[in-house]
């Protein structure tokens, strides 16, 4: 069974730009794509460091 990704970055329309465990890489992808309304989600159970650029996500995108 594969491990679920911790971070997901998506743009409008549901296109996934990044799915993985690197907070720094997720932030960089979000930063480059924020003008395209990119959204970054933390799929972890606990959000240790909430930030302006990331949201807590609990829908199917984090759990499929």
N, C-alpha and C. Protein backbone atom coordinates (compact mmCIF):
# COMPACT_ATOMS: atom_id res chain seq x y z
N UNK A 1 0.84 -1.18 0.00
CA UNK A 1 0.00 0.00 0.00
C UNK A 1 0.89 1.24 0.00
N UNK A 2 0.62 2.19 -0.91
CA UNK A 2 1.45 3.37 -1.00
C UNK A 2 1.02 4.42 0.03
N UNK A 3 1.98 5.20 0.44
CA UNK A 3 1.74 6.26 1.41
C UNK A 3 1.00 7.42 0.75
N UNK A 4 0.06 8.01 1.45
CA UNK A 4 -0.69 9.15 0.94
C UNK A 4 0.22 10.38 0.95
N UNK A 5 0.09 11.26 -0.05
CA UNK A 5 0.91 12.47 -0.08
C UNK A 5 0.50 13.44 1.03
N UNK A 6 1.45 14.17 1.55
CA UNK A 6 1.17 15.14 2.61
C UNK A 6 0.63 16.45 2.03
N UNK A 7 1.18 16.88 0.88
CA UNK A 7 0.80 18.16 0.28
C UNK A 7 0.29 17.96 -1.14
N UNK A 8 -0.71 18.75 -1.50
CA UNK A 8 -1.25 18.75 -2.86
C UNK A 8 -1.42 20.20 -3.28
N UNK A 9 -0.98 20.51 -4.50
CA UNK A 9 -1.18 21.84 -5.07
C UNK A 9 -2.00 21.66 -6.34
N UNK A 10 -3.11 22.41 -6.42
CA UNK A 10 -4.01 22.30 -7.57
C UNK A 10 -4.33 23.69 -8.10
N UNK A 11 -4.76 23.72 -9.37
CA UNK A 11 -5.28 24.96 -9.94
C UNK A 11 -6.74 24.76 -10.28
N UNK A 12 -7.40 25.87 -10.58
CA UNK A 12 -8.82 25.85 -10.90
C UNK A 12 -9.10 24.79 -11.97
N UNK A 13 -10.17 24.09 -11.81
CA UNK A 13 -10.52 23.02 -12.73
C UNK A 13 -10.09 21.66 -12.22
N UNK A 14 -9.43 21.63 -11.06
CA UNK A 14 -9.05 20.37 -10.45
C UNK A 14 -7.76 19.76 -10.95
N UNK A 15 -6.98 20.50 -11.75
CA UNK A 15 -5.71 19.96 -12.25
C UNK A 15 -4.67 19.95 -11.12
N UNK A 16 -4.09 18.79 -10.87
CA UNK A 16 -3.08 18.65 -9.82
C UNK A 16 -1.71 19.01 -10.38
N UNK A 17 -1.02 19.95 -9.71
CA UNK A 17 0.31 20.36 -10.12
C UNK A 17 1.39 19.64 -9.32
N UNK A 18 1.09 19.32 -8.07
CA UNK A 18 2.06 18.65 -7.21
C UNK A 18 1.32 17.79 -6.21
N UNK A 19 1.88 16.63 -5.95
CA UNK A 19 1.34 15.69 -4.96
C UNK A 19 2.54 15.00 -4.34
N UNK A 20 2.87 15.35 -3.09
CA UNK A 20 4.04 14.74 -2.46
C UNK A 20 4.22 15.20 -1.03
N UNK A 21 5.43 14.97 -0.51
CA UNK A 21 5.70 15.22 0.91
C UNK A 21 6.58 16.43 1.20
N UNK A 22 7.02 17.14 0.19
CA UNK A 22 7.92 18.28 0.41
C UNK A 22 7.14 19.58 0.56
N UNK A 23 7.17 20.15 1.76
CA UNK A 23 6.49 21.43 2.01
C UNK A 23 7.14 22.54 1.18
N UNK A 24 8.46 22.54 1.07
CA UNK A 24 9.17 23.57 0.31
C UNK A 24 8.80 23.49 -1.17
N UNK A 25 8.77 22.29 -1.73
CA UNK A 25 8.42 22.13 -3.14
C UNK A 25 6.97 22.51 -3.38
N UNK A 26 6.08 22.13 -2.47
CA UNK A 26 4.66 22.52 -2.60
C UNK A 26 4.52 24.03 -2.58
N UNK A 27 5.25 24.71 -1.70
CA UNK A 27 5.20 26.17 -1.63
C UNK A 27 5.71 26.79 -2.92
N UNK A 28 6.82 26.28 -3.46
CA UNK A 28 7.39 26.81 -4.70
C UNK A 28 6.42 26.66 -5.86
N UNK A 29 5.78 25.51 -5.97
CA UNK A 29 4.79 25.28 -7.04
C UNK A 29 3.61 26.23 -6.86
N UNK A 30 3.16 26.40 -5.62
CA UNK A 30 2.06 27.33 -5.34
C UNK A 30 2.45 28.75 -5.72
N UNK A 31 3.66 29.17 -5.34
CA UNK A 31 4.13 30.54 -5.59
C UNK A 31 4.17 30.84 -7.08
N UNK A 32 4.71 29.92 -7.86
CA UNK A 32 4.81 30.11 -9.30
C UNK A 32 3.43 30.17 -9.96
N UNK A 33 2.46 29.44 -9.41
CA UNK A 33 1.14 29.34 -10.03
C UNK A 33 0.04 30.11 -9.32
N UNK A 34 0.38 30.95 -8.35
CA UNK A 34 -0.68 31.62 -7.58
C UNK A 34 -1.52 32.57 -8.43
N UNK A 35 -0.97 33.13 -9.49
CA UNK A 35 -1.78 34.01 -10.35
C UNK A 35 -2.83 33.22 -11.12
N UNK A 36 -2.65 31.90 -11.20
CA UNK A 36 -3.64 31.02 -11.83
C UNK A 36 -4.58 30.42 -10.78
N UNK A 37 -4.62 31.08 -9.62
CA UNK A 37 -5.49 30.68 -8.50
C UNK A 37 -5.14 29.30 -7.95
N UNK A 38 -3.85 29.03 -7.84
CA UNK A 38 -3.40 27.76 -7.27
C UNK A 38 -3.82 27.68 -5.80
N UNK A 39 -4.14 26.47 -5.37
CA UNK A 39 -4.50 26.21 -3.98
C UNK A 39 -3.59 25.10 -3.48
N UNK A 40 -3.02 25.29 -2.29
CA UNK A 40 -2.17 24.27 -1.68
C UNK A 40 -2.90 23.71 -0.47
N UNK A 41 -2.83 22.40 -0.32
CA UNK A 41 -3.53 21.72 0.78
C UNK A 41 -2.57 20.87 1.58
N UNK A 42 -2.74 20.90 2.88
CA UNK A 42 -2.00 20.02 3.78
C UNK A 42 -2.94 18.88 4.13
N UNK A 43 -2.57 17.68 3.75
CA UNK A 43 -3.43 16.50 3.95
C UNK A 43 -3.13 15.77 5.25
N UNK A 44 -2.23 16.32 6.04
CA UNK A 44 -1.88 15.67 7.28
C UNK A 44 -2.98 15.76 8.33
N UNK A 45 -2.91 14.89 9.30
CA UNK A 45 -3.88 14.90 10.39
C UNK A 45 -3.69 16.14 11.25
N UNK A 46 -2.43 16.51 11.48
CA UNK A 46 -2.11 17.68 12.29
C UNK A 46 -1.39 18.70 11.41
N UNK A 47 -1.84 19.94 11.44
CA UNK A 47 -1.14 21.01 10.74
C UNK A 47 -0.25 21.68 11.76
N UNK A 48 1.05 21.44 11.64
CA UNK A 48 2.00 21.93 12.62
C UNK A 48 2.24 23.43 12.45
N UNK A 49 2.39 23.88 11.22
CA UNK A 49 2.68 25.28 10.96
C UNK A 49 1.68 25.84 9.95
N UNK A 50 0.52 26.32 10.40
CA UNK A 50 -0.41 26.91 9.45
C UNK A 50 0.21 28.13 8.78
N UNK A 51 -0.11 28.39 7.53
CA UNK A 51 0.48 29.50 6.79
C UNK A 51 -0.56 30.13 5.88
N UNK A 52 -0.27 31.32 5.40
CA UNK A 52 -1.18 32.04 4.52
C UNK A 52 -1.40 31.33 3.18
N UNK A 53 -0.50 30.50 2.77
CA UNK A 53 -0.55 29.89 1.44
C UNK A 53 -1.14 28.49 1.42
N UNK A 54 -1.37 27.91 2.58
CA UNK A 54 -1.79 26.50 2.61
C UNK A 54 -3.07 26.34 3.42
N UNK A 55 -3.94 25.43 2.98
CA UNK A 55 -5.19 25.14 3.66
C UNK A 55 -5.20 23.69 4.12
N UNK A 56 -6.03 23.43 5.10
CA UNK A 56 -6.22 22.05 5.54
C UNK A 56 -7.26 21.43 4.62
N UNK A 57 -6.99 20.25 4.11
CA UNK A 57 -7.89 19.61 3.16
C UNK A 57 -8.33 18.26 3.68
N UNK A 58 -9.60 17.97 3.57
CA UNK A 58 -10.08 16.68 4.03
C UNK A 58 -10.97 15.98 3.01
N UNK A 59 -10.99 16.46 1.77
CA UNK A 59 -11.85 15.79 0.78
C UNK A 59 -11.10 14.68 0.06
N UNK A 60 -11.69 14.14 -0.99
CA UNK A 60 -11.14 12.99 -1.70
C UNK A 60 -9.77 13.24 -2.32
N UNK A 61 -9.40 14.48 -2.60
CA UNK A 61 -8.10 14.75 -3.22
C UNK A 61 -6.94 14.28 -2.36
N UNK A 62 -7.12 14.33 -1.07
CA UNK A 62 -6.06 13.90 -0.17
C UNK A 62 -6.15 12.41 0.16
N UNK A 63 -7.28 11.82 -0.06
CA UNK A 63 -7.49 10.47 0.44
C UNK A 63 -7.84 9.46 -0.65
N UNK A 64 -7.38 9.69 -1.89
CA UNK A 64 -7.69 8.68 -2.90
C UNK A 64 -6.53 7.78 -3.18
